[in-house]
Protein backbone atom coordinates (compact mmCIF):
# COMPACT_ATOMS: atom_id res chain seq x y z
CA MET A 1 214.95 121.28 58.58
CA ASN A 2 211.68 119.56 57.79
CA ARG A 3 210.43 117.97 61.03
CA ARG A 4 207.27 116.53 59.45
CA PRO A 5 208.57 112.96 58.74
CA PHE A 6 209.99 112.55 62.26
CA PHE A 7 206.71 113.75 63.77
CA LEU A 8 204.63 111.25 61.78
CA LEU A 9 206.98 108.26 62.19
CA HIS A 10 207.30 108.83 65.91
CA SER A 11 203.52 109.14 66.33
CA ILE A 12 202.81 105.96 64.35
CA SER A 13 205.43 103.94 66.24
CA VAL A 14 203.92 104.99 69.56
CA LEU A 15 200.49 103.86 68.44
CA ARG A 16 201.68 100.50 67.06
CA ASN A 17 203.50 99.50 70.28
CA PRO A 18 201.47 99.93 73.51
CA VAL A 19 204.70 99.84 75.53
CA ASN A 20 205.65 103.13 73.92
CA LEU A 21 202.67 104.79 75.58
CA PHE A 22 204.49 104.60 78.94
CA PRO A 23 206.79 107.57 78.22
CA LEU A 24 203.70 109.62 77.33
CA ALA A 25 202.27 108.91 80.77
CA LEU A 26 205.50 110.23 82.34
CA GLY A 27 205.10 113.52 80.51
CA TYR A 28 207.15 112.90 77.37
CA ARG A 29 206.04 115.26 74.61
CA ILE A 30 205.84 114.46 70.94
CA PRO A 31 207.91 116.98 69.00
CA LYS A 32 205.74 120.03 68.36
CA ALA A 33 204.95 121.00 64.79
CA PRO A 34 205.25 124.59 63.61
CA THR A 35 202.11 126.57 64.43
CA SER A 36 201.35 127.37 60.80
CA GLU A 37 201.13 123.66 59.97
CA LEU A 38 199.20 122.34 62.98
CA SER A 39 196.02 121.73 61.01
CA TRP A 40 197.92 119.64 58.44
CA TYR A 41 199.72 117.65 61.16
CA TRP A 42 196.61 116.80 63.09
CA SER A 43 194.60 115.71 60.06
CA THR A 44 197.52 113.55 58.90
CA PHE A 45 198.09 112.21 62.42
CA ALA A 46 194.40 111.23 62.70
CA SER A 47 194.61 109.34 59.44
CA ALA A 48 197.81 107.57 60.50
CA ALA A 49 196.34 106.73 63.89
CA ALA A 50 193.28 105.12 62.35
CA THR A 51 195.46 103.02 60.06
CA ALA A 52 197.82 101.97 62.88
CA LEU A 53 195.15 101.00 65.42
CA PHE A 54 192.67 99.47 62.98
CA PRO A 55 194.69 97.96 60.11
CA THR A 56 192.60 96.82 57.16
CA THR A 57 193.20 95.64 53.66
CA GLU A 58 193.81 98.84 51.75
CA THR A 59 191.62 99.05 48.68
CA PRO A 60 192.18 101.75 46.05
CA GLU A 61 189.12 103.58 47.37
CA VAL A 62 190.45 103.56 50.95
CA LYS A 63 193.87 104.71 49.74
CA VAL A 64 192.36 107.66 47.92
CA SER A 65 190.31 108.53 51.01
CA VAL A 66 193.36 108.43 53.30
CA GLU A 67 195.41 110.55 50.93
CA ARG A 68 192.56 113.06 50.66
CA VAL A 69 192.25 113.36 54.46
CA GLY A 70 195.96 113.82 54.91
CA ALA A 71 196.37 116.28 52.06
CA ARG A 72 197.31 119.79 53.02
CA PRO A 73 195.02 122.49 51.51
CA LYS A 74 196.67 124.24 48.60
CA ASP A 75 194.77 127.51 48.91
CA SER A 76 191.91 129.23 50.70
CA LYS A 77 189.44 127.70 48.27
CA ASP A 78 190.35 124.25 49.59
CA VAL A 79 189.94 125.50 53.16
CA PHE A 80 186.46 126.86 52.46
CA ARG A 81 185.50 123.70 50.59
CA SER A 82 186.66 121.44 53.43
CA TRP A 83 184.68 123.62 55.85
CA GLY A 84 181.49 122.87 53.90
CA CYS A 85 181.18 125.70 51.40
CA SER A 86 179.97 124.84 47.92
CA ASP A 87 181.65 126.25 44.82
CA SER A 88 178.77 128.70 44.54
CA ASP A 89 179.30 129.86 48.13
CA ILE A 90 183.04 130.26 47.55
CA ALA A 91 182.44 132.28 44.40
CA LYS A 92 180.14 134.67 46.30
CA ILE A 93 182.67 135.03 49.11
CA PHE A 94 185.55 135.79 46.74
CA GLN A 95 183.41 138.19 44.75
CA ARG A 96 182.60 140.17 47.89
CA ARG A 97 186.12 139.95 49.34
CA PRO A 98 188.73 139.05 46.68
CA SER A 99 191.63 139.34 49.14
CA LEU A 100 190.44 136.14 50.86
CA ARG A 101 192.10 134.25 48.01
CA ASN A 102 195.52 135.05 49.47
CA VAL A 103 195.04 134.84 53.24
CA ASP A 104 197.10 132.80 55.68
CA LEU A 105 195.57 129.32 55.56
CA ALA A 106 196.21 128.37 59.18
CA ASN A 107 194.70 131.65 60.40
CA LEU A 108 191.67 131.21 58.14
CA GLN A 109 191.16 127.61 59.28
CA SER A 110 191.36 128.70 62.92
CA LYS A 111 188.64 131.34 62.46
CA LEU A 112 186.39 129.00 60.51
CA ASN A 113 186.71 126.43 63.28
CA LEU A 114 185.52 129.04 65.78
CA LEU A 115 182.51 129.83 63.60
CA SER A 116 181.61 126.17 63.14
CA GLY A 117 181.83 125.75 66.91
CA LEU A 118 179.17 128.45 67.19
CA GLY A 119 176.92 126.50 64.84
CA LEU A 120 177.21 128.76 61.80
CA SER A 121 176.79 127.14 58.40
CA SER A 122 178.30 127.95 55.02
CA THR A 123 175.09 129.76 54.05
CA ASP A 124 175.40 131.90 57.18
CA LEU A 125 179.02 132.66 56.33
CA VAL A 126 178.02 133.93 52.87
CA LYS A 127 175.48 136.28 54.48
CA ILE A 128 178.08 137.49 56.96
CA ILE A 129 180.73 138.18 54.32
CA ASN A 130 178.15 139.92 52.15
CA CYS A 131 177.37 142.35 54.98
CA ARG A 132 180.84 142.52 56.53
CA PRO A 133 183.44 141.80 53.80
CA ARG A 134 186.34 142.35 56.22
CA PHE A 135 184.91 140.05 58.87
CA LEU A 136 187.43 137.21 58.45
CA GLY A 137 190.23 139.76 58.44
CA SER A 138 189.32 140.99 61.92
CA ARG A 139 190.56 139.49 65.17
CA ILE A 140 187.46 137.51 66.05
CA ASN A 141 189.59 135.04 68.03
CA LYS A 142 190.59 137.74 70.54
CA PHE A 143 188.88 137.12 73.90
CA PHE A 144 186.51 134.82 72.02
CA ASP A 145 185.46 132.52 74.87
CA GLY A 146 184.74 135.33 77.32
CA ARG A 147 182.85 137.30 74.70
CA LEU A 148 180.81 134.23 73.72
CA ASP A 149 179.86 133.46 77.32
CA TYR A 150 178.74 137.04 77.91
CA LEU A 151 176.73 137.28 74.67
CA GLN A 152 175.04 133.94 75.26
CA GLU A 153 174.03 135.07 78.73
CA LEU A 154 172.79 138.37 77.26
CA PHE A 155 170.67 136.80 74.51
CA GLY A 156 169.49 133.91 76.65
CA SER A 157 170.13 131.06 74.21
CA ARG A 158 172.53 129.97 71.49
CA GLU A 159 169.77 130.11 68.85
CA VAL A 160 168.95 133.78 69.52
CA LEU A 161 172.66 134.61 69.67
CA LEU A 162 173.26 133.02 66.25
CA LYS A 163 170.37 135.02 64.81
CA ALA A 164 171.89 138.21 66.22
CA ILE A 165 175.37 137.39 64.89
CA ILE A 166 174.03 136.74 61.39
CA ARG A 167 172.17 140.06 61.53
CA ASN A 168 175.23 141.85 62.88
CA PRO A 169 178.51 139.89 62.66
CA SER A 170 180.34 142.79 64.31
CA LEU A 171 179.10 141.51 67.67
CA LEU A 172 182.18 139.27 67.47
CA THR A 173 184.50 142.21 66.73
CA TYR A 174 183.25 145.16 68.81
CA ASP A 175 185.53 146.13 71.66
CA PHE A 176 184.18 144.18 74.59
CA TYR A 177 184.99 146.58 77.42
CA THR A 178 184.48 149.96 75.73
CA LYS A 179 181.52 149.15 73.47
CA ILE A 180 179.39 146.13 74.29
CA LYS A 181 179.28 146.12 78.10
CA PRO A 182 178.90 149.93 78.56
CA VAL A 183 176.06 150.14 76.01
CA VAL A 184 174.16 147.24 77.60
CA ALA A 185 174.63 148.83 81.03
CA THR A 186 173.38 152.20 79.70
CA TYR A 187 170.10 150.77 78.44
CA GLU A 188 169.56 148.76 81.60
CA ASP A 189 170.13 151.89 83.71
CA MET A 190 167.51 153.70 81.61
CA GLY A 191 164.92 151.04 82.38
CA VAL A 192 164.99 148.99 79.18
CA SER A 193 164.46 145.36 80.16
CA ARG A 194 166.76 142.60 78.95
CA LYS A 195 163.95 141.15 76.81
CA ASP A 196 163.26 144.50 75.14
CA LEU A 197 166.97 145.14 74.62
CA ILE A 198 167.35 141.82 72.80
CA ALA A 199 164.43 142.73 70.53
CA MET A 200 166.08 146.08 69.74
CA LEU A 201 169.46 144.49 69.05
CA LEU A 202 167.81 142.14 66.55
CA SER A 203 165.76 144.84 64.82
CA ARG A 204 168.52 147.48 64.79
CA PRO A 205 171.86 145.72 64.24
CA THR A 206 173.91 148.94 64.54
CA LEU A 207 172.46 149.79 67.95
CA ILE A 208 175.71 149.18 69.86
CA PRO A 209 178.16 151.34 67.84
CA ARG A 210 175.66 154.18 67.31
CA THR A 211 174.39 154.55 70.87
CA SER A 212 175.28 157.75 72.68
CA ILE A 213 173.36 159.38 75.51
CA ASN A 214 173.76 162.94 76.78
CA ASP A 215 171.75 165.33 78.93
CA GLU A 216 169.98 166.87 75.94
CA LYS A 217 168.73 163.50 74.71
CA LEU A 218 167.58 162.56 78.21
CA GLU A 219 165.58 165.80 78.33
CA TYR A 220 163.97 165.00 74.98
CA ILE A 221 162.97 161.54 76.24
CA ARG A 222 161.50 163.06 79.40
CA LYS A 223 159.44 165.56 77.36
CA THR A 224 157.82 162.78 75.34
CA GLY A 225 155.95 161.96 78.53
CA ILE A 226 156.27 158.24 77.92
CA SER A 227 156.25 155.85 80.88
CA ARG A 228 158.91 153.19 81.38
CA ASN A 229 156.11 150.64 81.50
CA SER A 230 154.87 151.61 78.04
CA LYS A 231 155.41 149.19 75.17
CA MET A 232 156.72 152.13 73.13
CA TYR A 233 159.38 153.07 75.69
CA LYS A 234 162.10 150.87 74.21
CA TYR A 235 161.54 152.34 70.74
CA VAL A 236 161.64 155.93 71.98
CA VAL A 237 164.81 155.40 74.01
CA THR A 238 166.73 153.55 71.30
CA LEU A 239 165.73 155.97 68.52
CA PHE A 240 166.92 158.97 70.51
CA ALA A 241 170.07 157.09 71.56
CA ILE A 242 171.17 156.22 68.02
CA SER A 243 170.25 159.59 66.48
CA ARG A 244 172.73 162.45 66.34
CA THR A 245 171.81 165.47 68.44
CA GLU A 246 172.10 167.75 65.40
CA THR A 247 169.69 165.55 63.45
CA ILE A 248 167.12 165.61 66.26
CA ARG A 249 167.30 169.41 66.45
CA ALA A 250 166.86 169.76 62.67
CA LYS A 251 163.81 167.47 62.62
CA LEU A 252 162.17 169.27 65.52
CA ALA A 253 162.79 172.63 63.83
CA ASN A 254 161.21 171.30 60.63
CA PHE A 255 157.97 170.51 62.47
CA GLU A 256 158.02 173.93 64.12
CA LYS A 257 157.87 175.54 60.66
CA PHE A 258 154.31 174.20 60.37
CA GLY A 259 153.23 175.73 63.67
CA PHE A 260 153.97 172.90 66.11
CA SER A 261 155.61 173.51 69.45
CA GLU A 262 158.51 171.36 70.62
CA ASP A 263 156.36 169.75 73.31
CA GLU A 264 153.69 168.84 70.74
CA VAL A 265 156.26 167.21 68.46
CA LEU A 266 157.91 165.26 71.28
CA GLY A 267 154.49 164.16 72.53
CA LEU A 268 153.77 162.89 69.01
CA VAL A 269 157.09 161.00 69.02
CA GLY A 270 156.12 159.42 72.34
CA ARG A 271 152.90 158.08 70.79
CA SER A 272 154.42 157.25 67.40
CA PRO A 273 158.23 156.82 67.71
CA LEU A 274 158.67 156.29 63.95
CA MET A 275 158.15 160.04 63.51
CA LEU A 276 161.78 160.41 64.51
CA THR A 277 162.87 158.25 61.57
CA LEU A 278 161.14 160.36 58.90
CA SER A 279 163.35 162.53 56.74
CA ILE A 280 162.90 166.30 56.67
CA ASP A 281 161.96 166.11 52.98
CA LYS A 282 159.21 163.52 53.56
CA VAL A 283 157.64 165.53 56.38
CA GLN A 284 157.67 168.69 54.26
CA ARG A 285 156.07 167.01 51.25
CA ASN A 286 153.38 165.20 53.23
CA MET A 287 152.53 168.28 55.29
CA THR A 288 152.25 170.40 52.15
CA PHE A 289 149.84 167.85 50.64
CA ILE A 290 147.77 167.67 53.84
CA LEU A 291 147.41 171.45 54.02
CA SER A 292 146.93 172.29 50.34
CA MET A 293 145.16 169.26 48.84
CA MET A 294 143.34 167.63 51.73
CA LYS A 295 142.47 171.02 53.28
CA LEU A 296 143.14 169.73 56.78
CA PRO A 297 144.64 171.76 59.63
CA ALA A 298 148.27 171.06 60.53
CA ASN A 299 147.39 169.66 63.94
CA ALA A 300 145.42 166.85 62.25
CA VAL A 301 148.63 164.82 62.19
CA LEU A 302 148.71 164.87 66.01
CA GLY A 303 145.62 162.67 66.02
CA TYR A 304 146.34 160.83 62.77
CA PRO A 305 150.12 160.20 62.56
CA PHE A 306 149.65 157.86 59.58
CA LEU A 307 149.23 160.97 57.38
CA LEU A 308 152.98 161.50 57.74
CA LEU A 309 153.97 157.84 57.74
CA PHE A 310 152.14 156.76 54.56
CA ASN A 311 153.76 157.09 51.16
CA LEU A 312 152.54 160.18 49.33
CA GLU A 313 152.79 158.81 45.76
CA ALA A 314 151.55 155.28 46.51
CA VAL A 315 148.74 155.92 49.01
CA LEU A 316 147.69 159.46 49.86
CA LYS A 317 147.68 161.15 46.46
CA PRO A 318 146.06 158.28 44.45
CA ARG A 319 143.27 157.89 47.01
CA MET A 320 142.68 161.63 47.09
CA LEU A 321 142.41 161.72 43.28
CA LEU A 322 140.07 158.72 43.32
CA ALA A 323 137.88 160.51 45.87
CA GLY A 324 137.54 163.41 43.44
CA LYS A 325 136.77 161.04 40.55
CA ILE A 326 134.01 159.30 42.54
CA GLN A 327 132.53 162.67 43.46
CA ASP A 328 132.60 163.89 39.83
CA MET A 329 130.78 160.73 38.70
CA GLY A 330 128.16 161.15 41.42
CA LEU A 331 128.79 157.69 42.85
CA LEU A 332 128.17 156.45 46.35
CA PRO A 333 129.73 155.96 48.80
CA GLN A 334 131.95 159.03 48.54
CA ILE A 335 135.28 159.68 50.22
CA LYS A 336 134.86 162.98 52.01
CA GLY A 337 134.39 164.47 55.44
CA PRO A 338 135.14 162.25 58.44
CA SER A 339 135.19 159.13 56.24
CA MET A 340 138.21 160.46 54.33
CA LEU A 341 140.70 159.77 57.12
CA THR A 342 139.16 156.35 57.74
CA ALA A 343 139.41 155.48 54.04
CA PHE A 344 143.01 156.66 53.79
CA ARG A 345 144.23 154.39 56.56
CA MET A 346 142.52 151.24 55.20
CA LYS A 347 144.41 148.31 53.78
CA GLU A 348 144.45 148.29 49.98
CA LYS A 349 142.18 145.26 49.63
CA ARG A 350 139.48 146.68 51.89
CA PHE A 351 139.72 150.14 50.31
CA LEU A 352 139.14 148.76 46.81
CA LYS A 353 136.27 146.59 48.01
CA LEU A 354 134.43 149.52 49.62
CA TYR A 355 135.01 152.19 46.98
CA VAL A 356 135.84 150.50 43.65
CA THR A 357 134.67 146.92 43.17
CA CYS A 358 131.34 147.62 44.88
CA HIS A 359 130.13 149.30 41.65
CA PRO A 360 128.94 147.61 38.42
CA LYS A 361 131.74 146.05 36.37
CA GLU A 362 132.05 148.81 33.76
CA VAL A 363 132.17 151.53 36.39
CA ALA A 364 134.53 149.50 38.57
CA ASP A 365 136.89 148.92 35.63
CA GLU A 366 136.94 152.64 34.86
CA LEU A 367 137.66 153.54 38.47
CA MET A 368 140.34 150.85 38.72
CA GLU A 369 142.07 152.08 35.57
CA PHE A 370 142.03 155.64 36.88
CA TYR A 371 143.33 154.56 40.30
CA SER A 372 146.12 152.44 38.79
CA SER A 373 147.19 155.32 36.54
CA ALA A 374 147.31 157.64 39.55
CA LYS A 375 149.54 155.19 41.40
CA ASP A 376 151.88 154.88 38.42
CA VAL A 377 152.65 158.60 38.41
CA LYS A 378 156.15 158.90 39.82
CA ARG A 379 157.68 161.83 41.60
CA LEU A 380 159.40 164.29 39.25
CA ALA A 381 163.01 163.22 38.53
CA GLU A 382 162.62 160.22 40.87
CA SER A 383 164.27 157.88 38.37
CA SER A 384 167.41 160.04 38.25
CA LYS A 385 167.65 160.42 42.00
CA LYS A 386 170.93 159.15 43.38
CA LYS A 387 170.67 156.61 46.15
CA HIS A 388 173.29 156.66 48.87
CA ASN A 389 173.49 153.58 51.07
CA LYS A 390 175.12 154.36 54.38
CA GLY A 391 176.08 151.88 57.06
CA PHE A 392 174.65 148.44 57.60
CA PRO A 393 171.95 147.50 55.03
CA PHE A 394 169.05 147.14 57.45
């Protein structure tokens, strides 16, 4: 039986006659609508209430407006549109997650209302769906209030929390008791301050699901020799925590092939934590270039970590070739000896000013053409290399 007409007529009659409000005060309940249609009932009831309490002459424009407010959404597209999404936003959402065309409308409306209560906009929703296509299919309404209170206390403000959610929407879906709280407690026990932890959560969105600490990792962190008061401490701890133990072992063994001891490598990681993010292939290629082309000893990277961090094809090799070109032409200043390492770590603009554009125009043009050609040389088979994107795209 359709209870919708009785619900609306009863509600309007109560509003028109103030005497009818007395039963409400005694606890009388208006017949409850089915849960799946609550959003339609309330929007229609609001429209009827406005008309009953503030009767006006109904113009065609007002009539259309009332009908539009009381209309029940036909599909998810109407729900998204009423929430504030443009047709362009809706198209992007459906393209990323086509199954959202056929979701339960009441459930979708409920989740969107939660997101709007957070302060998220339609633009933010598009970003979230792009990164987490199944986001609206997850149970974000489970323990929502408690989770929100905890996260807001963790991040310190609603603005920072929104930034974190947009970066990693899964903060609203991670298991609260087995994931979020234990990971936060782990980092706090290891001496990472709340401020530093927030910075790490923003810069590394997958920090929570990937964190795991064991005795071997703790020993690695200890061997880096880094103090808890160091600005680099938070980077060292989080990088070891999110890395697999097997990966750490493989990267340490790769350095040992070039004559480094484990303590030397871990000490280097303590001073330059990004060493732990370099792939085995990159370290091998850069070290080979340093030893064979630059004629430097392997331990030079202990004092100049940028030799491993800089791109081989875009920075190191072109500048090395330009140094040879300048030497062949007998120009000054030359890039050799102690000045080589200084020149290699310069910003591009300063490097060109000191070693290229300082010469007469014809010479500078020749050097610039040579340098540009050297930078355009791509790694062999680089264009056919397959790219595999794993995990969150940050």
